[in-house]
Protein backbone atom coordinates (compact mmCIF):
# COMPACT_ATOMS: atom_id res chain seq x y z
CA UNK A 1 0.17 -0.19 -0.11
CA UNK A 2 1.37 3.14 -0.91
CA UNK A 3 1.93 5.72 1.87
CA UNK A 4 3.20 8.92 2.84
CA UNK A 5 0.55 12.36 3.43
CA UNK A 6 -1.08 12.54 0.00
CA UNK A 7 -1.77 8.85 -0.10
CA UNK A 8 -4.87 7.67 -1.98
CA UNK A 9 -5.06 11.29 -3.47
CA UNK A 10 -5.39 11.65 -7.07
CA UNK A 11 -3.52 15.31 -8.15
CA UNK A 12 -3.50 16.89 -12.13
CA UNK A 13 -0.78 18.68 -12.91
CA UNK A 14 -0.44 21.22 -15.81
CA UNK A 15 2.95 22.06 -17.00
CA UNK A 16 3.98 18.49 -16.16
CA UNK A 17 5.89 18.44 -19.02
CA UNK A 18 9.21 20.22 -17.69
CA UNK A 19 10.10 22.31 -14.94
CA UNK A 20 8.02 23.22 -12.08
CA UNK A 21 5.03 21.22 -13.11
CA UNK A 22 7.52 17.69 -13.87
CA UNK A 23 9.39 18.70 -10.59
CA UNK A 24 5.39 18.90 -8.89
CA UNK A 25 4.55 15.80 -10.55
CA UNK A 26 7.73 13.73 -8.90
CA UNK A 27 7.36 15.36 -5.30
CA UNK A 28 3.55 14.53 -5.10
CA UNK A 29 4.09 10.82 -6.00
CA UNK A 30 6.80 11.26 -3.62
CA UNK A 31 4.35 11.80 -0.85
CA UNK A 32 1.55 9.01 -2.36
CA UNK A 33 -0.07 11.05 -4.27
CA UNK A 34 -1.75 9.37 -8.00
CA UNK A 35 -0.28 11.72 -11.29
CA UNK A 36 -2.25 12.65 -14.11
CA UNK A 37 1.16 14.69 -15.89
CA UNK A 38 -0.82 16.85 -18.22
CA UNK A 39 0.44 19.35 -21.01
CA UNK A 40 0.55 20.46 -24.14
CA UNK A 41 3.90 18.20 -24.97
CA UNK A 42 2.61 14.46 -24.84
CA UNK A 43 5.68 12.99 -25.10
CA UNK A 44 7.15 15.45 -22.57
CA UNK A 45 4.02 14.36 -20.49
CA UNK A 46 4.89 11.15 -20.93
CA UNK A 47 8.12 11.35 -19.86
CA UNK A 48 7.34 12.73 -16.56
CA UNK A 49 5.01 9.87 -16.40
CA UNK A 50 7.60 7.41 -16.93
CA UNK A 51 9.75 8.83 -13.72
CA UNK A 52 6.91 7.62 -11.79
CA UNK A 53 4.81 5.27 -10.34
CA UNK A 54 0.81 5.47 -10.74
CA UNK A 55 1.02 8.14 -13.32
CA UNK A 56 -0.27 8.27 -16.77
CA UNK A 57 0.12 11.32 -18.60
CA UNK A 58 -2.06 13.48 -21.33
CA UNK A 59 -2.27 16.20 -23.38
CA UNK A 60 -3.67 19.10 -22.76
CA UNK A 61 -3.84 22.69 -24.38
CA UNK A 62 -5.01 24.72 -20.92
CA UNK A 63 -6.63 27.44 -23.24
CA UNK A 64 -9.34 25.40 -24.97
CA UNK A 65 -12.20 24.76 -23.32
CA UNK A 66 -13.46 21.47 -24.91
CA UNK A 67 -9.23 20.13 -24.39
CA UNK A 68 -10.29 20.95 -20.73
CA UNK A 69 -13.27 19.16 -20.52
CA UNK A 70 -11.75 16.14 -22.66
CA UNK A 71 -9.42 16.22 -19.64
CA UNK A 72 -11.63 16.43 -16.93
CA UNK A 73 -13.43 13.51 -18.18
CA UNK A 74 -10.45 10.85 -18.80
CA UNK A 75 -9.05 12.20 -15.57
CA UNK A 76 -12.27 10.93 -14.37
CA UNK A 77 -12.38 7.76 -16.11
CA UNK A 78 -8.66 7.07 -14.89
CA UNK A 79 -9.86 6.47 -11.60
CA UNK A 80 -13.12 6.71 -11.35
CA UNK A 81 -13.26 9.93 -9.30
CA UNK A 82 -12.31 13.47 -9.33
CA UNK A 83 -8.59 14.85 -8.69
CA UNK A 84 -8.24 15.57 -5.02
CA UNK A 85 -5.52 18.42 -6.17
CA UNK A 86 -5.32 20.73 -9.35
CA UNK A 87 -1.54 22.40 -9.78
CA UNK A 88 -2.36 24.95 -12.50
CA UNK A 89 1.54 25.41 -13.33
CA UNK A 90 1.21 25.91 -17.05
CA UNK A 91 2.41 28.90 -18.34
CA UNK A 92 4.25 30.37 -21.18
CA UNK A 93 6.00 33.99 -22.02
CA UNK A 94 6.40 36.49 -25.16
CA UNK A 95 8.90 39.25 -23.86
CA UNK A 96 8.62 42.63 -25.25
CA UNK A 97 8.32 46.42 -24.98
CA UNK A 98 5.01 47.79 -24.96
CA UNK A 99 5.51 49.71 -28.01
CA UNK A 100 6.50 46.95 -29.99
CA UNK A 101 4.72 43.84 -28.85
CA UNK A 102 2.21 42.13 -31.54
CA UNK A 103 -0.92 41.83 -29.81
CA UNK A 104 -0.84 37.67 -31.02
CA UNK A 105 1.42 37.77 -28.33
CA UNK A 106 -0.37 39.19 -25.45
CA UNK A 107 -3.38 37.28 -26.29
CA UNK A 108 -0.94 33.43 -26.15
CA UNK A 109 0.34 35.08 -23.05
CA UNK A 110 -3.26 35.84 -21.19
CA UNK A 111 -4.74 32.50 -22.99
CA UNK A 112 -2.23 30.17 -21.23
CA UNK A 113 -1.61 31.47 -18.10
CA UNK A 114 -4.72 33.74 -16.94
CA UNK A 115 -7.26 32.11 -19.01
CA UNK A 116 -6.19 28.21 -18.95
CA UNK A 117 -5.63 28.70 -15.05
CA UNK A 118 -9.47 29.64 -15.17
CA UNK A 119 -10.49 26.71 -17.44
CA UNK A 120 -8.71 23.86 -15.28
CA UNK A 121 -9.96 25.74 -12.15
CA UNK A 122 -13.66 25.83 -12.77
CA UNK A 123 -13.89 22.72 -14.62
CA UNK A 124 -12.04 20.52 -12.38
CA UNK A 125 -13.63 21.90 -9.85
CA UNK A 126 -17.21 21.27 -10.93
CA UNK A 127 -16.11 17.81 -10.73
CA UNK A 128 -14.81 18.04 -7.50
CA UNK A 129 -17.81 19.40 -6.21
CA UNK A 130 -20.34 17.17 -8.09
CA UNK A 131 -18.15 14.14 -5.99
CA UNK A 132 -21.19 12.84 -3.47
CA UNK A 133 -19.49 12.83 -0.50
CA UNK A 134 -17.81 16.27 -0.67
CA UNK A 135 -14.36 15.46 0.14
CA UNK A 136 -12.81 18.60 -0.57
CA UNK A 137 -9.59 19.46 -2.25
CA UNK A 138 -6.71 21.72 -2.92
CA UNK A 139 -6.23 23.82 -5.74
CA UNK A 140 -2.64 25.46 -6.26
CA UNK A 141 -1.89 28.33 -8.74
CA UNK A 142 1.37 29.33 -9.99
CA UNK A 143 1.63 33.14 -10.35
CA UNK A 144 5.22 34.43 -10.49
CA UNK A 145 7.12 36.98 -8.37
CA UNK A 146 6.99 39.16 -11.50
CA UNK A 147 3.30 39.90 -11.03
CA UNK A 148 4.98 42.25 -7.86
CA UNK A 149 8.18 43.50 -9.63
CA UNK A 150 6.13 44.46 -12.84
CA UNK A 151 9.52 43.86 -14.84
CA UNK A 152 10.03 46.53 -18.13
CA UNK A 153 9.19 43.84 -21.78
CA UNK A 154 6.99 41.68 -19.08
CA UNK A 155 3.33 43.56 -19.68
CA UNK A 156 1.54 40.70 -20.67
CA UNK A 157 3.60 37.97 -18.08
CA UNK A 158 3.39 40.82 -15.36
CA UNK A 159 -0.56 41.28 -15.78
CA UNK A 160 -1.70 37.62 -16.11
CA UNK A 161 0.37 36.38 -13.44
CA UNK A 162 -0.95 39.75 -11.01
CA UNK A 163 -4.32 38.48 -12.40
CA UNK A 164 -3.37 34.98 -11.48
CA UNK A 165 -3.40 36.33 -7.76
CA UNK A 166 -6.86 37.51 -7.14
CA UNK A 167 -8.54 34.92 -9.42
CA UNK A 168 -6.90 32.83 -6.56
CA UNK A 169 -8.50 34.74 -3.97
CA UNK A 170 -12.15 35.35 -5.56
CA UNK A 171 -11.60 31.79 -5.80
CA UNK A 172 -10.79 30.26 -2.55
CA UNK A 173 -13.90 32.70 -1.43
CA UNK A 174 -16.50 31.25 -3.32
CA UNK A 175 -15.27 27.60 -2.88
CA UNK A 176 -14.50 27.72 1.35
CA UNK A 177 -17.96 26.04 1.26
CA UNK A 178 -16.71 22.46 -0.35
CA UNK A 179 -13.79 22.48 1.59
CA UNK A 180 -11.94 23.03 -1.32
CA UNK A 181 -8.83 25.78 -0.56
CA UNK A 182 -6.99 27.34 -3.25
CA UNK A 183 -3.64 29.11 -3.19
CA UNK A 184 -1.14 30.32 -5.37
CA UNK A 185 2.43 30.27 -5.52
CA UNK A 186 4.67 33.11 -6.38
CA UNK A 187 8.47 31.86 -7.51
CA UNK A 188 11.15 34.05 -8.29
CA UNK A 189 13.90 33.20 -10.66
CA UNK A 190 14.00 29.53 -11.08
CA UNK A 191 16.39 26.95 -12.93
CA UNK A 192 13.59 25.78 -15.81
CA UNK A 193 13.53 25.78 -19.62
CA UNK A 194 11.44 29.22 -19.24
CA UNK A 195 14.69 31.00 -17.21
CA UNK A 196 16.82 29.43 -19.69
CA UNK A 197 16.33 31.37 -22.55
CA UNK A 198 16.72 34.76 -20.55
CA UNK A 199 19.94 36.13 -21.60
CA UNK A 200 23.09 35.59 -19.17
CA UNK A 201 23.80 39.08 -18.49
CA UNK A 202 20.03 39.42 -17.08
CA UNK A 203 20.52 36.08 -15.29
CA UNK A 204 23.55 37.19 -13.43
CA UNK A 205 21.87 40.85 -12.39
CA UNK A 206 18.84 39.15 -11.33
CA UNK A 207 20.95 36.18 -8.93
CA UNK A 208 23.13 40.06 -7.61
CA UNK A 209 20.32 41.14 -6.40
CA UNK A 210 18.62 37.86 -4.91
CA UNK A 211 20.08 37.82 -1.20
CA UNK A 212 20.50 34.03 -1.04
CA UNK A 213 22.70 34.84 -4.64
CA UNK A 214 21.37 32.15 -7.07
CA UNK A 215 18.33 31.24 -8.73
CA UNK A 216 15.84 28.87 -7.35
CA UNK A 217 15.44 25.02 -8.23
CA UNK A 218 12.21 23.54 -9.47
CA UNK A 219 12.14 21.40 -6.62
CA UNK A 220 12.33 24.21 -4.10
CA UNK A 221 9.18 25.65 -5.54
CA UNK A 222 7.26 22.01 -5.61
CA UNK A 223 8.06 21.49 -2.02
CA UNK A 224 5.58 24.20 -1.33
CA UNK A 225 2.98 23.01 -3.89
CA UNK A 226 2.98 19.97 -1.97
CA UNK A 227 2.69 21.10 1.75
CA UNK A 228 -0.49 23.40 0.18
CA UNK A 229 -1.91 20.21 -1.65
CA UNK A 230 -1.43 17.95 2.17
CA UNK A 231 -3.82 18.60 4.73
CA UNK A 232 -0.80 20.09 7.09
CA UNK A 233 -2.20 23.33 4.99
CA UNK A 234 -5.29 22.61 6.16
CA UNK A 235 -6.31 26.49 7.49
CA UNK A 236 -4.06 27.74 4.53
CA UNK A 237 -6.50 29.60 1.78
CA UNK A 238 -6.36 32.52 -0.17
CA UNK A 239 -3.16 32.63 -0.01
CA UNK A 240 -0.15 34.33 -2.03
CA UNK A 241 3.10 32.68 -1.34
CA UNK A 242 6.71 33.74 -2.40
CA UNK A 243 9.23 31.77 -3.31
CA UNK A 244 12.06 33.60 -4.54
CA UNK A 245 15.08 33.39 -1.72
CA UNK A 246 13.83 37.02 -1.14
CA UNK A 247 13.95 38.75 -4.52
CA UNK A 248 12.07 41.80 -4.53
C-alpha cells in the first residue's frame, strides 16, 4: 500500500512536461499521490509519467475549453473519481516592450496563463464538487514574483500573473464552502527551461539582486506546492506565497 501524506489522493498537474510542473509531479508522487501529468507536449508529459509510479500522461491545451473538458472526463475515468489536487503550472512568456509587442503575443500569454488557469480551475472544481461525499480538495495556482516586480518588457506576463493572484483570492472565497482550498505560489527566478532562454547578463543581474545569491530550483517550488496540497496546510486558503530567495 502506498504511504505518505498524500496517499490515496489523485493529483492533476498542468505544465507537467518540464520545470516546476515536472518537479511537482515527482514530489506529489513521493508523498503518495497518483499523478495525471498534463502538458501540451504529450511526449514531455509521458516522459514525466515514466519516472513515477501510478502516473498517467495526457495532452492538454489549457487555453481550449474543449481540451480541458476532455481532460476532466479522462481524469475521472482513469480512477473513477475526480482528482483531489489540481496544480495549474502551465505558463508561457512572450517578452517584448509594449510599443513593439504584437497583439498575438499578448493574447497567447493571456490565454495560457490566466484563461488556462480559469478553465482548469472551473471545470475540475465542478467535478470535485459533484463528488457525493463533498470530500473537498486543494487547488494550487502558479503566479510569479513578476506580478509584483512588474519587469520592463513583461507587460503581458506580469498582468496575467497578477491576475492569477486575484483569481486565486476570489476562488478561495467561493470554494471554501465546498472544503476546496485555493492558494497560489509566486516563484522567483527558477532554473527551468523558461528561464534558460533569458540572456546570461540578465540572469547575472537577478542573482546579484537576490539575497541568497542564486536562482531557485524547481524542487524548491514543488515542496511548497506539496505542502499546500496536503492536510498540513488545512487552514491555508487564499494565500499568495512568495518563494524567491528574498528577491523583491
